[in-house]
Amino acid sequence: MADDGILGRIDELIAEEKELRARAVGVGLSGDDSARLRRAEEELDQCWDLLRQRRARAEFDEDPEGAEVRPVQEVEGYRQ
């Protein structure tokens, strides 16, 4: 997936996350919506990680297509 595709998916996930968080404040979230929010947050972290990998590879004259989506457990375990 090219950078534009990843950024497009990030935009979609941000919109979904905002919608779910707004609903949580008002009426709360069902179990399904809570799971949806968690999945959106995890996928968002994976997309950001993939984009960072691609940009780093390009910066060091490597093929950005060599970047791979890392497992949620790995991405979620990073320290900020």
N, C-alpha and C. Protein backbone atom coordinates (compact mmCIF):
# COMPACT_ATOMS: atom_id res chain seq x y z
N MET A 1 0.84 -1.17 0.00
CA MET A 1 0.00 0.00 0.00
C MET A 1 0.89 1.24 0.00
N ALA A 2 0.58 2.17 -0.83
CA ALA A 2 1.34 3.42 -0.94
C ALA A 2 1.01 4.35 0.22
N ASP A 3 1.87 5.35 0.44
CA ASP A 3 1.67 6.30 1.53
C ASP A 3 0.28 6.95 1.48
N ASP A 4 -0.17 7.32 0.28
CA ASP A 4 -1.49 7.95 0.16
C ASP A 4 -2.60 7.02 0.64
N GLY A 5 -2.48 5.74 0.34
CA GLY A 5 -3.47 4.77 0.79
C GLY A 5 -3.45 4.61 2.30
N ILE A 6 -2.27 4.61 2.88
CA ILE A 6 -2.14 4.50 4.33
C ILE A 6 -2.73 5.74 4.99
N LEU A 7 -2.42 6.91 4.45
CA LEU A 7 -2.96 8.15 5.01
C LEU A 7 -4.48 8.20 4.89
N GLY A 8 -5.01 7.69 3.79
CA GLY A 8 -6.46 7.62 3.62
C GLY A 8 -7.09 6.72 4.67
N ARG A 9 -6.46 5.58 4.93
CA ARG A 9 -6.97 4.66 5.95
C ARG A 9 -6.87 5.29 7.34
N ILE A 10 -5.80 6.03 7.59
CA ILE A 10 -5.65 6.74 8.87
C ILE A 10 -6.80 7.73 9.04
N ASP A 11 -7.12 8.47 8.00
CA ASP A 11 -8.24 9.43 8.08
C ASP A 11 -9.55 8.72 8.40
N GLU A 12 -9.79 7.57 7.77
CA GLU A 12 -11.01 6.80 8.03
C GLU A 12 -11.06 6.34 9.49
N LEU A 13 -9.95 5.85 9.98
CA LEU A 13 -9.90 5.35 11.35
C LEU A 13 -10.07 6.48 12.37
N ILE A 14 -9.49 7.63 12.08
CA ILE A 14 -9.65 8.78 12.97
C ILE A 14 -11.12 9.20 13.03
N ALA A 15 -11.78 9.22 11.88
CA ALA A 15 -13.21 9.58 11.85
C ALA A 15 -14.03 8.57 12.66
N GLU A 16 -13.75 7.29 12.49
CA GLU A 16 -14.46 6.26 13.24
C GLU A 16 -14.21 6.41 14.74
N GLU A 17 -12.96 6.65 15.11
CA GLU A 17 -12.61 6.82 16.52
C GLU A 17 -13.34 8.03 17.12
N LYS A 18 -13.37 9.14 16.40
CA LYS A 18 -14.06 10.34 16.88
C LYS A 18 -15.54 10.07 17.08
N GLU A 19 -16.14 9.39 16.12
CA GLU A 19 -17.57 9.07 16.20
C GLU A 19 -17.86 8.21 17.44
N LEU A 20 -17.05 7.19 17.65
CA LEU A 20 -17.27 6.29 18.77
C LEU A 20 -17.01 7.00 20.10
N ARG A 21 -15.99 7.83 20.16
CA ARG A 21 -15.70 8.56 21.41
C ARG A 21 -16.82 9.57 21.72
N ALA A 22 -17.37 10.20 20.71
CA ALA A 22 -18.48 11.13 20.92
C ALA A 22 -19.70 10.38 21.44
N ARG A 23 -19.96 9.23 20.88
CA ARG A 23 -21.08 8.41 21.33
C ARG A 23 -20.87 7.93 22.76
N ALA A 24 -19.63 7.63 23.11
CA ALA A 24 -19.31 7.15 24.46
C ALA A 24 -19.64 8.21 25.50
N VAL A 25 -19.40 9.47 25.17
CA VAL A 25 -19.67 10.57 26.10
C VAL A 25 -21.17 10.72 26.30
N GLY A 26 -21.92 10.58 25.22
CA GLY A 26 -23.37 10.78 25.30
C GLY A 26 -24.11 9.63 25.95
N VAL A 27 -24.16 8.52 25.26
CA VAL A 27 -24.98 7.39 25.73
C VAL A 27 -24.16 6.19 26.15
N GLY A 28 -22.88 6.25 26.00
CA GLY A 28 -22.03 5.10 26.32
C GLY A 28 -21.92 4.18 25.12
N LEU A 29 -21.06 3.20 25.23
CA LEU A 29 -20.82 2.28 24.13
C LEU A 29 -21.29 0.88 24.49
N SER A 30 -21.84 0.21 23.51
CA SER A 30 -22.18 -1.21 23.68
C SER A 30 -20.88 -2.01 23.67
N GLY A 31 -20.97 -3.25 24.01
CA GLY A 31 -19.80 -4.12 23.97
C GLY A 31 -19.19 -4.18 22.58
N ASP A 32 -20.06 -4.23 21.56
CA ASP A 32 -19.58 -4.28 20.18
C ASP A 32 -18.86 -2.99 19.80
N ASP A 33 -19.44 -1.86 20.22
CA ASP A 33 -18.81 -0.57 19.90
C ASP A 33 -17.49 -0.39 20.65
N SER A 34 -17.42 -0.88 21.87
CA SER A 34 -16.16 -0.82 22.63
C SER A 34 -15.08 -1.63 21.92
N ALA A 35 -15.46 -2.80 21.42
CA ALA A 35 -14.52 -3.64 20.68
C ALA A 35 -14.11 -2.95 19.38
N ARG A 36 -15.08 -2.30 18.71
CA ARG A 36 -14.78 -1.55 17.48
C ARG A 36 -13.79 -0.44 17.74
N LEU A 37 -13.98 0.27 18.86
CA LEU A 37 -13.07 1.37 19.21
C LEU A 37 -11.67 0.83 19.47
N ARG A 38 -11.58 -0.25 20.19
CA ARG A 38 -10.27 -0.85 20.48
C ARG A 38 -9.58 -1.28 19.19
N ARG A 39 -10.32 -1.93 18.28
CA ARG A 39 -9.74 -2.35 17.00
C ARG A 39 -9.30 -1.15 16.16
N ALA A 40 -10.10 -0.09 16.16
CA ALA A 40 -9.75 1.12 15.41
C ALA A 40 -8.46 1.73 15.96
N GLU A 41 -8.34 1.80 17.29
CA GLU A 41 -7.14 2.35 17.90
C GLU A 41 -5.91 1.50 17.56
N GLU A 42 -6.07 0.19 17.61
CA GLU A 42 -4.95 -0.70 17.30
C GLU A 42 -4.53 -0.59 15.84
N GLU A 43 -5.54 -0.59 14.94
CA GLU A 43 -5.21 -0.48 13.52
C GLU A 43 -4.59 0.87 13.20
N LEU A 44 -5.05 1.90 13.88
CA LEU A 44 -4.48 3.24 13.69
C LEU A 44 -3.00 3.24 14.07
N ASP A 45 -2.68 2.63 15.20
CA ASP A 45 -1.27 2.53 15.60
C ASP A 45 -0.46 1.75 14.58
N GLN A 46 -1.04 0.68 14.05
CA GLN A 46 -0.32 -0.11 13.03
C GLN A 46 -0.10 0.71 11.76
N CYS A 47 -1.09 1.49 11.36
CA CYS A 47 -0.94 2.32 10.16
C CYS A 47 0.15 3.37 10.34
N TRP A 48 0.15 4.03 11.50
CA TRP A 48 1.19 5.02 11.76
C TRP A 48 2.57 4.37 11.75
N ASP A 49 2.67 3.19 12.35
CA ASP A 49 3.95 2.47 12.37
C ASP A 49 4.40 2.12 10.95
N LEU A 50 3.47 1.63 10.14
CA LEU A 50 3.79 1.28 8.76
C LEU A 50 4.26 2.50 7.98
N LEU A 51 3.57 3.63 8.17
CA LEU A 51 3.96 4.85 7.47
C LEU A 51 5.35 5.30 7.90
N ARG A 52 5.63 5.23 9.21
CA ARG A 52 6.98 5.59 9.70
C ARG A 52 8.04 4.67 9.10
N GLN A 53 7.74 3.37 9.04
CA GLN A 53 8.69 2.42 8.43
C GLN A 53 8.97 2.79 6.98
N ARG A 54 7.90 3.06 6.23
CA ARG A 54 8.06 3.38 4.80
C ARG A 54 8.90 4.64 4.61
N ARG A 55 8.62 5.65 5.43
CA ARG A 55 9.36 6.91 5.31
C ARG A 55 10.82 6.73 5.70
N ALA A 56 11.09 5.94 6.72
CA ALA A 56 12.47 5.69 7.13
C ALA A 56 13.22 4.92 6.04
N ARG A 57 12.57 3.93 5.45
CA ARG A 57 13.21 3.16 4.39
C ARG A 57 13.54 4.07 3.21
N ALA A 58 12.61 4.94 2.83
CA ALA A 58 12.85 5.86 1.71
C ALA A 58 13.99 6.82 2.03
N GLU A 59 14.03 7.28 3.27
CA GLU A 59 15.09 8.22 3.69
C GLU A 59 16.47 7.60 3.56
N PHE A 60 16.56 6.30 3.78
CA PHE A 60 17.86 5.61 3.73
C PHE A 60 18.03 4.80 2.44
N ASP A 61 17.36 5.27 1.38
CA ASP A 61 17.47 4.69 0.03
C ASP A 61 17.15 3.20 -0.02
N GLU A 62 16.18 2.79 0.78
CA GLU A 62 15.68 1.43 0.73
C GLU A 62 14.28 1.46 0.13
N ASP A 63 13.81 0.32 -0.33
CA ASP A 63 12.49 0.22 -0.95
C ASP A 63 11.40 0.31 0.12
N PRO A 64 10.55 1.34 0.06
CA PRO A 64 9.47 1.47 1.04
C PRO A 64 8.51 0.28 1.02
N GLU A 65 8.44 -0.39 -0.12
CA GLU A 65 7.53 -1.55 -0.23
C GLU A 65 7.98 -2.70 0.66
N GLY A 66 9.19 -2.63 1.17
CA GLY A 66 9.69 -3.67 2.07
C GLY A 66 9.14 -3.55 3.49
N ALA A 67 8.47 -2.44 3.79
CA ALA A 67 7.87 -2.24 5.11
C ALA A 67 6.68 -3.18 5.25
N GLU A 68 6.51 -3.70 6.47
CA GLU A 68 5.42 -4.64 6.72
C GLU A 68 4.63 -4.22 7.94
N VAL A 69 3.35 -4.54 7.92
CA VAL A 69 2.50 -4.29 9.08
C VAL A 69 2.99 -5.19 10.21
N ARG A 70 3.27 -4.58 11.35
CA ARG A 70 3.74 -5.35 12.50
C ARG A 70 2.54 -5.78 13.34
N PRO A 71 2.70 -6.86 14.10
CA PRO A 71 1.60 -7.33 14.95
C PRO A 71 1.20 -6.27 15.98
N VAL A 72 -0.08 -6.29 16.34
CA VAL A 72 -0.61 -5.34 17.31
C VAL A 72 0.20 -5.38 18.60
N GLN A 73 0.54 -6.56 19.07
CA GLN A 73 1.26 -6.68 20.33
C GLN A 73 2.60 -5.95 20.27
N GLU A 74 3.26 -6.00 19.13
CA GLU A 74 4.55 -5.33 18.98
C GLU A 74 4.36 -3.81 18.94
N VAL A 75 3.43 -3.36 18.14
CA VAL A 75 3.20 -1.91 17.98
C VAL A 75 2.68 -1.31 19.28
N GLU A 76 1.79 -2.00 19.94
CA GLU A 76 1.21 -1.48 21.18
C GLU A 76 2.23 -1.48 22.32
N GLY A 77 3.30 -2.27 22.18
CA GLY A 77 4.30 -2.35 23.22
C GLY A 77 5.37 -1.27 23.15
N TYR A 78 5.33 -0.42 22.12
CA TYR A 78 6.33 0.64 21.99
C TYR A 78 6.15 1.67 23.08
N ARG A 79 7.25 2.22 23.52
CA ARG A 79 7.19 3.32 24.49
C ARG A 79 7.30 4.63 23.72
N GLN A 80 6.50 5.57 24.12
CA GLN A 80 6.49 6.89 23.46
C GLN A 80 7.48 7.81 24.11
